[in-house]
C-alpha cells in the first residue's frame, strides 16, 4: 500500500539513491554522495530547516520531496521552498506527484507558511505543465546564481 510520510534517518541511503537517479535523469550537476548525505542528516537534526517527504510502497521508496524553509522579506515570513521532487519512473502517472505536493502543502499550512516556491529549468516544459496543473503559477522573476569561490 502506497504511503506518504516524513522520512527518517534510516531512509538516508534510499533517498540518496533516488537523488542520484533524479540528478542523472535531469542532467543536473551531481555532488559527492557524502556531501548530500551531510545535508540530509542536518535536516533530520534541525527539523526547523526543512523536511523530506517520501512515498513508500511495500517498504520501497518510490519518490521524495525535499522542502526547506527560507526567510522572505517580500512575504514578511518564512516560505516553503520545494527544493526537489522526484517520482521514480515506474511510479509515475498514478497521481503520486500531486499527492506529494499536497503533503508538502499540508506541512506548509501547519507551519503557518504563506506560500510554496520552487525553481524549474526553463526548458523543462513537462515539469512546468505539472506544476501549473497542481496550482503553481509563474512569477515574474529570473533566477541568477554566482558560484562562491574560496574556502567552504
N, C-alpha and C. Protein backbone atom coordinates (compact mmCIF):
# COMPACT_ATOMS: atom_id res chain seq x y z
N UNK A 1 0.84 -1.19 0.00
CA UNK A 1 0.00 0.00 0.00
C UNK A 1 0.88 1.25 0.00
N UNK A 2 0.58 2.17 -0.87
CA UNK A 2 1.36 3.39 -1.02
C UNK A 2 1.09 4.34 0.14
N UNK A 3 2.18 4.80 0.78
CA UNK A 3 2.07 5.73 1.90
C UNK A 3 2.97 6.92 1.67
N UNK A 4 2.50 8.09 2.07
CA UNK A 4 3.33 9.29 2.13
C UNK A 4 3.62 9.55 3.59
N UNK A 5 4.88 9.81 3.88
CA UNK A 5 5.27 10.06 5.26
C UNK A 5 6.56 10.85 5.27
N UNK A 6 6.89 11.37 6.44
CA UNK A 6 8.17 12.05 6.58
C UNK A 6 9.26 11.01 6.70
N UNK A 7 10.34 11.28 6.02
CA UNK A 7 11.49 10.37 6.05
C UNK A 7 12.09 10.36 7.45
N UNK A 8 12.83 9.31 7.72
CA UNK A 8 13.57 9.22 8.98
C UNK A 8 15.02 8.89 8.64
N UNK A 9 15.92 8.99 9.61
CA UNK A 9 17.34 8.77 9.31
C UNK A 9 17.65 7.42 8.66
N UNK A 10 16.81 6.41 8.88
CA UNK A 10 17.04 5.11 8.25
C UNK A 10 16.81 5.14 6.74
N UNK A 11 16.17 6.20 6.24
CA UNK A 11 15.87 6.32 4.81
C UNK A 11 16.98 7.00 4.01
N UNK A 12 18.02 7.49 4.68
CA UNK A 12 19.02 8.32 4.01
C UNK A 12 19.60 7.65 2.77
N UNK A 13 20.06 6.43 2.86
CA UNK A 13 20.71 5.78 1.70
C UNK A 13 19.74 5.62 0.53
N UNK A 14 18.49 5.24 0.83
CA UNK A 14 17.49 5.09 -0.25
C UNK A 14 17.15 6.44 -0.88
N UNK A 15 17.09 7.50 -0.07
CA UNK A 15 16.84 8.84 -0.61
C UNK A 15 18.01 9.26 -1.50
N UNK A 16 19.23 8.99 -1.05
CA UNK A 16 20.40 9.32 -1.86
C UNK A 16 20.38 8.58 -3.20
N UNK A 17 19.95 7.33 -3.19
CA UNK A 17 19.81 6.58 -4.45
C UNK A 17 18.82 7.28 -5.39
N UNK A 18 17.67 7.71 -4.84
CA UNK A 18 16.68 8.41 -5.65
C UNK A 18 17.22 9.74 -6.15
N UNK A 19 17.95 10.45 -5.30
CA UNK A 19 18.54 11.74 -5.71
C UNK A 19 19.49 11.55 -6.88
N UNK A 20 20.33 10.53 -6.79
CA UNK A 20 21.27 10.27 -7.87
C UNK A 20 20.54 9.94 -9.16
N UNK A 21 19.46 9.16 -9.06
CA UNK A 21 18.65 8.83 -10.23
C UNK A 21 18.04 10.10 -10.83
N UNK A 22 17.49 10.95 -9.98
CA UNK A 22 16.90 12.21 -10.43
C UNK A 22 17.94 13.11 -11.09
N UNK A 23 19.08 13.28 -10.45
CA UNK A 23 20.12 14.16 -10.99
C UNK A 23 20.63 13.66 -12.35
N UNK A 24 20.79 12.34 -12.48
CA UNK A 24 21.20 11.76 -13.77
C UNK A 24 20.14 12.02 -14.83
N UNK A 25 18.90 11.74 -14.48
CA UNK A 25 17.79 11.89 -15.43
C UNK A 25 17.66 13.33 -15.92
N UNK A 26 17.85 14.29 -15.04
CA UNK A 26 17.68 15.69 -15.40
C UNK A 26 18.97 16.35 -15.88
N UNK A 27 20.06 15.60 -15.88
CA UNK A 27 21.33 16.15 -16.32
C UNK A 27 21.86 17.23 -15.38
N UNK A 28 21.55 17.08 -14.10
CA UNK A 28 22.00 18.05 -13.10
C UNK A 28 23.41 17.74 -12.65
N UNK A 29 24.10 18.77 -12.25
CA UNK A 29 25.46 18.58 -11.72
C UNK A 29 25.34 17.80 -10.41
N UNK A 30 25.99 16.69 -10.36
CA UNK A 30 25.95 15.88 -9.15
C UNK A 30 26.94 16.36 -8.12
N UNK A 31 26.66 16.06 -6.89
CA UNK A 31 27.57 16.34 -5.79
C UNK A 31 28.00 15.02 -5.19
N UNK A 32 29.07 15.06 -4.46
CA UNK A 32 29.54 13.86 -3.79
C UNK A 32 28.43 13.34 -2.86
N UNK A 33 28.23 12.05 -2.89
CA UNK A 33 27.19 11.43 -2.06
C UNK A 33 27.37 11.81 -0.60
N UNK A 34 28.62 11.87 -0.14
CA UNK A 34 28.87 12.20 1.27
C UNK A 34 28.39 13.62 1.59
N UNK A 35 28.52 14.51 0.64
CA UNK A 35 28.08 15.90 0.86
C UNK A 35 26.55 15.96 0.93
N UNK A 36 25.87 15.27 0.02
CA UNK A 36 24.41 15.23 0.05
C UNK A 36 23.92 14.56 1.34
N UNK A 37 24.61 13.52 1.74
CA UNK A 37 24.25 12.82 2.98
C UNK A 37 24.33 13.77 4.17
N UNK A 38 25.36 14.60 4.20
CA UNK A 38 25.51 15.56 5.29
C UNK A 38 24.35 16.54 5.35
N UNK A 39 23.88 16.99 4.18
CA UNK A 39 22.75 17.92 4.15
C UNK A 39 21.48 17.22 4.64
N UNK A 40 21.25 15.99 4.19
CA UNK A 40 20.08 15.24 4.66
C UNK A 40 20.13 15.04 6.17
N UNK A 41 21.28 14.65 6.67
CA UNK A 41 21.41 14.42 8.11
C UNK A 41 21.16 15.70 8.89
N UNK A 42 21.60 16.84 8.36
CA UNK A 42 21.33 18.13 9.00
C UNK A 42 19.83 18.39 9.09
N UNK A 43 19.09 18.04 8.02
CA UNK A 43 17.64 18.24 8.05
C UNK A 43 16.97 17.37 9.11
N UNK A 44 17.48 16.17 9.31
CA UNK A 44 16.91 15.32 10.35
C UNK A 44 17.21 15.86 11.74
N UNK A 45 18.36 16.48 11.90
CA UNK A 45 18.76 17.04 13.20
C UNK A 45 18.11 18.39 13.46
N UNK A 46 17.87 19.16 12.41
CA UNK A 46 17.32 20.52 12.55
C UNK A 46 16.03 20.63 11.76
N UNK A 47 14.97 20.04 12.28
CA UNK A 47 13.71 19.97 11.55
C UNK A 47 13.13 21.34 11.22
N UNK A 48 13.56 22.36 11.94
CA UNK A 48 13.07 23.71 11.62
C UNK A 48 13.65 24.22 10.31
N UNK A 49 14.65 23.53 9.74
CA UNK A 49 15.25 23.94 8.47
C UNK A 49 14.53 23.35 7.26
N UNK A 50 13.85 22.22 7.46
CA UNK A 50 13.16 21.59 6.35
C UNK A 50 12.86 20.13 6.64
N UNK A 51 12.19 19.50 5.69
CA UNK A 51 11.79 18.10 5.85
C UNK A 51 11.91 17.39 4.51
N UNK A 52 11.93 16.07 4.58
CA UNK A 52 11.93 15.25 3.37
C UNK A 52 10.73 14.31 3.45
N UNK A 53 9.81 14.46 2.51
CA UNK A 53 8.67 13.56 2.42
C UNK A 53 9.06 12.42 1.49
N UNK A 54 8.59 11.22 1.82
CA UNK A 54 8.87 10.07 0.96
C UNK A 54 7.57 9.34 0.64
N UNK A 55 7.55 8.74 -0.54
CA UNK A 55 6.46 7.87 -0.96
C UNK A 55 6.99 6.45 -0.86
N UNK A 56 6.30 5.63 -0.09
CA UNK A 56 6.78 4.28 0.18
C UNK A 56 5.69 3.28 -0.19
N UNK A 57 6.08 2.23 -0.90
CA UNK A 57 5.16 1.16 -1.26
C UNK A 57 5.83 -0.16 -0.93
N UNK A 58 5.24 -0.89 -0.01
CA UNK A 58 5.80 -2.18 0.43
C UNK A 58 7.26 -2.04 0.84
N UNK A 59 7.58 -0.95 1.52
CA UNK A 59 8.94 -0.74 2.01
C UNK A 59 9.88 -0.08 1.03
N UNK A 60 9.51 0.00 -0.25
CA UNK A 60 10.38 0.60 -1.27
C UNK A 60 10.05 2.07 -1.43
N UNK A 61 11.09 2.91 -1.46
CA UNK A 61 10.87 4.33 -1.71
C UNK A 61 10.71 4.56 -3.21
N UNK A 62 9.61 5.20 -3.57
CA UNK A 62 9.31 5.47 -4.98
C UNK A 62 9.49 6.93 -5.34
N UNK A 63 9.62 7.78 -4.34
CA UNK A 63 9.79 9.20 -4.61
C UNK A 63 10.08 9.96 -3.35
N UNK A 64 10.49 11.21 -3.55
CA UNK A 64 10.75 12.09 -2.40
C UNK A 64 10.45 13.52 -2.79
N UNK A 65 10.17 14.32 -1.79
CA UNK A 65 10.01 15.76 -1.95
C UNK A 65 10.79 16.42 -0.83
N UNK A 66 11.73 17.25 -1.21
CA UNK A 66 12.59 17.92 -0.24
C UNK A 66 12.12 19.37 -0.12
N UNK A 67 11.63 19.74 1.06
CA UNK A 67 11.13 21.09 1.29
C UNK A 67 11.96 21.75 2.38
N UNK A 68 12.42 22.96 2.10
CA UNK A 68 13.21 23.71 3.07
C UNK A 68 12.52 25.04 3.35
N UNK A 69 12.85 25.60 4.50
CA UNK A 69 12.31 26.90 4.88
C UNK A 69 13.32 27.98 4.55
N UNK A 70 12.80 29.12 4.12
CA UNK A 70 13.67 30.25 3.84
C UNK A 70 12.94 31.53 4.23
N UNK A 71 13.65 32.43 4.93
CA UNK A 71 13.02 33.70 5.26
C UNK A 71 12.82 34.55 4.01
N UNK A 72 11.72 35.28 3.98
CA UNK A 72 11.44 36.16 2.85
C UNK A 72 10.91 37.49 3.38
N UNK A 73 11.61 38.55 3.08
CA UNK A 73 11.12 39.86 3.47
C UNK A 73 9.98 40.29 2.55
N UNK A 74 9.98 39.81 1.33
CA UNK A 74 8.88 40.12 0.41
C UNK A 74 7.56 39.61 0.96
N UNK A 75 7.59 38.43 1.60
CA UNK A 75 6.40 37.83 2.18
C UNK A 75 6.28 38.12 3.68
N UNK A 76 7.30 38.73 4.27
CA UNK A 76 7.35 39.01 5.72
C UNK A 76 7.11 37.73 6.52
N UNK A 77 7.75 36.66 6.08
CA UNK A 77 7.55 35.35 6.71
C UNK A 77 8.59 34.39 6.15
N UNK A 78 8.68 33.23 6.77
CA UNK A 78 9.38 32.12 6.13
C UNK A 78 8.50 31.61 4.99
N UNK A 79 9.14 31.05 3.98
CA UNK A 79 8.44 30.37 2.89
C UNK A 79 8.86 28.91 2.85
N UNK A 80 8.02 28.07 2.29
CA UNK A 80 8.40 26.69 2.00
C UNK A 80 8.98 26.69 0.59
N UNK A 81 10.17 26.15 0.44
CA UNK A 81 10.80 26.04 -0.87
C UNK A 81 10.86 24.56 -1.23
N UNK A 82 10.18 24.19 -2.29
CA UNK A 82 10.24 22.81 -2.78
C UNK A 82 11.55 22.69 -3.55
N UNK A 83 12.58 22.22 -2.87
CA UNK A 83 13.91 22.19 -3.47
C UNK A 83 14.04 21.09 -4.52
N UNK A 84 13.47 19.94 -4.23
CA UNK A 84 13.47 18.83 -5.19
C UNK A 84 12.22 17.99 -4.98
N UNK A 85 11.70 17.48 -6.08
CA UNK A 85 10.65 16.46 -6.02
C UNK A 85 10.95 15.48 -7.15
N UNK A 86 10.83 14.21 -6.84
CA UNK A 86 11.14 13.18 -7.82
C UNK A 86 10.29 11.96 -7.56
N UNK A 87 9.72 11.42 -8.63
CA UNK A 87 8.99 10.16 -8.57
C UNK A 87 9.65 9.22 -9.57
N UNK A 88 10.05 8.07 -9.09
CA UNK A 88 10.69 7.06 -9.94
C UNK A 88 9.77 6.69 -11.10
N UNK A 89 10.34 6.45 -12.27
CA UNK A 89 9.59 6.20 -13.50
C UNK A 89 8.44 5.22 -13.38
N UNK A 90 8.67 4.08 -12.73
CA UNK A 90 7.62 3.06 -12.66
C UNK A 90 6.43 3.48 -11.81
N UNK A 91 6.59 4.56 -11.03
CA UNK A 91 5.51 5.02 -10.17
C UNK A 91 4.82 6.26 -10.73
N UNK A 92 5.21 6.70 -11.91
CA UNK A 92 4.64 7.92 -12.48
C UNK A 92 3.25 7.67 -13.08
N UNK A 93 2.58 8.77 -13.33
CA UNK A 93 1.24 8.74 -13.94
C UNK A 93 0.21 8.03 -13.07
N UNK A 94 0.42 8.09 -11.75
CA UNK A 94 -0.53 7.50 -10.81
C UNK A 94 -1.00 8.55 -9.79
N UNK A 95 -0.69 9.82 -10.05
CA UNK A 95 -1.11 10.88 -9.14
C UNK A 95 -0.20 11.07 -7.93
N UNK A 96 0.93 10.37 -7.93
CA UNK A 96 1.82 10.43 -6.77
C UNK A 96 2.45 11.82 -6.61
N UNK A 97 2.87 12.43 -7.70
CA UNK A 97 3.46 13.77 -7.61
C UNK A 97 2.49 14.76 -7.02
N UNK A 98 1.25 14.71 -7.46
CA UNK A 98 0.19 15.60 -6.93
C UNK A 98 0.00 15.34 -5.44
N UNK A 99 -0.03 14.08 -5.05
CA UNK A 99 -0.21 13.75 -3.63
C UNK A 99 0.97 14.27 -2.80
N UNK A 100 2.18 14.18 -3.36
CA UNK A 100 3.34 14.68 -2.63
C UNK A 100 3.28 16.20 -2.48
N UNK A 101 2.86 16.90 -3.53
CA UNK A 101 2.69 18.36 -3.44
C UNK A 101 1.67 18.69 -2.35
N UNK A 102 0.55 17.98 -2.32
CA UNK A 102 -0.47 18.22 -1.29
C UNK A 102 0.07 17.95 0.11
N UNK A 103 0.89 16.92 0.25
CA UNK A 103 1.51 16.58 1.53
C UNK A 103 2.40 17.73 1.99
N UNK A 104 3.19 18.27 1.08
CA UNK A 104 4.06 19.41 1.39
C UNK A 104 3.22 20.63 1.74
N UNK A 105 2.12 20.83 1.03
CA UNK A 105 1.25 21.98 1.33
C UNK A 105 0.65 21.86 2.73
N UNK A 106 0.28 20.65 3.13
CA UNK A 106 -0.24 20.45 4.49
C UNK A 106 0.82 20.83 5.52
N UNK A 107 2.06 20.46 5.26
CA UNK A 107 3.16 20.85 6.14
C UNK A 107 3.28 22.36 6.20
N UNK A 108 3.30 23.02 5.03
CA UNK A 108 3.44 24.47 4.98
C UNK A 108 2.31 25.15 5.76
N UNK A 109 1.09 24.68 5.57
CA UNK A 109 -0.05 25.25 6.28
C UNK A 109 0.08 25.05 7.78
N UNK A 110 0.50 23.86 8.20
CA UNK A 110 0.63 23.59 9.64
C UNK A 110 1.73 24.43 10.28
N UNK A 111 2.69 24.87 9.48
CA UNK A 111 3.79 25.71 9.97
C UNK A 111 3.49 27.20 9.81
N UNK A 112 2.33 27.53 9.24
CA UNK A 112 1.96 28.93 9.03
C UNK A 112 2.72 29.61 7.91
N UNK A 113 3.23 28.82 6.97
CA UNK A 113 3.99 29.37 5.85
C UNK A 113 3.01 29.79 4.75
N UNK A 114 3.12 31.01 4.22
CA UNK A 114 2.11 31.52 3.30
C UNK A 114 2.20 31.02 1.85
N UNK A 115 3.33 30.43 1.47
CA UNK A 115 3.47 30.02 0.07
C UNK A 115 4.54 28.94 -0.06
N UNK A 116 4.44 28.20 -1.15
CA UNK A 116 5.47 27.24 -1.55
C UNK A 116 6.06 27.78 -2.85
N UNK A 117 7.37 27.90 -2.90
CA UNK A 117 8.04 28.33 -4.12
C UNK A 117 8.90 27.20 -4.64
N UNK A 118 9.28 27.30 -5.90
CA UNK A 118 10.17 26.30 -6.49
C UNK A 118 10.84 26.91 -7.70
N UNK A 119 11.87 26.25 -8.17
CA UNK A 119 12.54 26.63 -9.42
C UNK A 119 12.42 25.46 -10.38
N UNK A 120 12.32 25.78 -11.65
CA UNK A 120 12.28 24.75 -12.68
C UNK A 120 13.07 25.25 -13.88
N UNK A 121 13.79 24.35 -14.51
CA UNK A 121 14.57 24.72 -15.70
C UNK A 121 13.63 25.22 -16.79
N UNK A 122 14.01 26.30 -17.45
CA UNK A 122 13.14 26.92 -18.45
C UNK A 122 12.81 25.98 -19.62
N UNK A 123 13.65 24.99 -19.89
CA UNK A 123 13.38 24.06 -20.98
C UNK A 123 12.57 22.84 -20.52
N UNK A 124 12.27 22.73 -19.23
CA UNK A 124 11.55 21.57 -18.72
C UNK A 124 10.04 21.83 -18.80
N UNK A 125 9.53 21.76 -20.01
CA UNK A 125 8.13 22.07 -20.29
C UNK A 125 7.19 21.11 -19.56
N UNK A 126 7.55 19.84 -19.49
CA UNK A 126 6.70 18.86 -18.81
C UNK A 126 6.54 19.21 -17.33
N UNK A 127 7.64 19.55 -16.68
CA UNK A 127 7.57 19.91 -15.26
C UNK A 127 6.73 21.17 -15.06
N UNK A 128 6.91 22.16 -15.95
CA UNK A 128 6.11 23.39 -15.83
C UNK A 128 4.63 23.09 -15.97
N UNK A 129 4.28 22.20 -16.89
CA UNK A 129 2.88 21.81 -17.05
C UNK A 129 2.35 21.13 -15.80
N UNK A 130 3.16 20.26 -15.21
CA UNK A 130 2.76 19.58 -13.97
C UNK A 130 2.53 20.60 -12.87
N UNK A 131 3.48 21.52 -12.68
CA UNK A 131 3.35 22.50 -11.59
C UNK A 131 2.13 23.38 -11.78
N UNK A 132 1.85 23.78 -13.01
CA UNK A 132 0.63 24.57 -13.27
C UNK A 132 -0.62 23.74 -12.93
N UNK A 133 -0.59 22.46 -13.30
CA UNK A 133 -1.75 21.59 -13.06
C UNK A 133 -2.03 21.38 -11.58
N UNK A 134 -1.00 21.51 -10.74
CA UNK A 134 -1.21 21.32 -9.30
C UNK A 134 -1.31 22.65 -8.55
N UNK A 135 -1.49 23.75 -9.30
CA UNK A 135 -1.82 25.01 -8.66
C UNK A 135 -0.72 26.06 -8.56
N UNK A 136 0.46 25.79 -9.08
CA UNK A 136 1.52 26.80 -9.07
C UNK A 136 1.31 27.74 -10.25
N UNK A 137 1.77 28.97 -10.09
CA UNK A 137 1.75 29.91 -11.21
C UNK A 137 3.13 30.56 -11.32
N UNK A 138 3.47 30.93 -12.53
CA UNK A 138 4.77 31.54 -12.79
C UNK A 138 4.78 32.96 -12.24
N UNK A 139 5.86 33.31 -11.57
CA UNK A 139 6.03 34.69 -11.10
C UNK A 139 7.04 35.37 -12.00
N UNK A 140 6.95 36.67 -12.06
CA UNK A 140 7.82 37.43 -12.96
C UNK A 140 9.18 37.65 -12.30
N UNK A 141 9.99 36.61 -12.30
CA UNK A 141 11.31 36.68 -11.70
C UNK A 141 12.27 35.85 -12.55
N UNK A 142 13.51 36.22 -12.53
CA UNK A 142 14.58 35.43 -13.14
C UNK A 142 15.51 35.02 -12.01
N UNK A 143 15.99 33.81 -12.05
CA UNK A 143 16.93 33.31 -11.05
C UNK A 143 18.34 33.50 -11.57
N UNK A 144 19.16 34.13 -10.78
CA UNK A 144 20.58 34.28 -11.09
C UNK A 144 21.37 33.58 -10.00
N UNK A 145 22.49 33.02 -10.34
CA UNK A 145 23.37 32.38 -9.35
C UNK A 145 24.80 32.76 -9.65
N UNK A 146 25.57 32.88 -8.61
CA UNK A 146 27.00 33.13 -8.76
C UNK A 146 27.73 32.16 -7.84
N UNK A 147 28.51 31.27 -8.40
CA UNK A 147 29.26 30.34 -7.55
C UNK A 147 30.22 31.11 -6.64
N UNK A 148 30.32 30.66 -5.42
CA UNK A 148 31.24 31.25 -4.46
C UNK A 148 32.56 30.52 -4.56
N UNK A 149 33.61 31.26 -4.76
CA UNK A 149 34.94 30.65 -4.81
C UNK A 149 35.62 30.88 -3.48
N UNK A 150 36.49 29.98 -3.15
CA UNK A 150 37.20 30.10 -1.88
C UNK A 150 36.83 28.98 -0.94
N UNK A 151 37.25 29.10 0.31
CA UNK A 151 37.02 28.01 1.27
C UNK A 151 35.54 27.77 1.52
N UNK A 152 35.21 26.50 1.74
CA UNK A 152 33.83 26.13 2.08
C UNK A 152 33.82 25.32 3.32
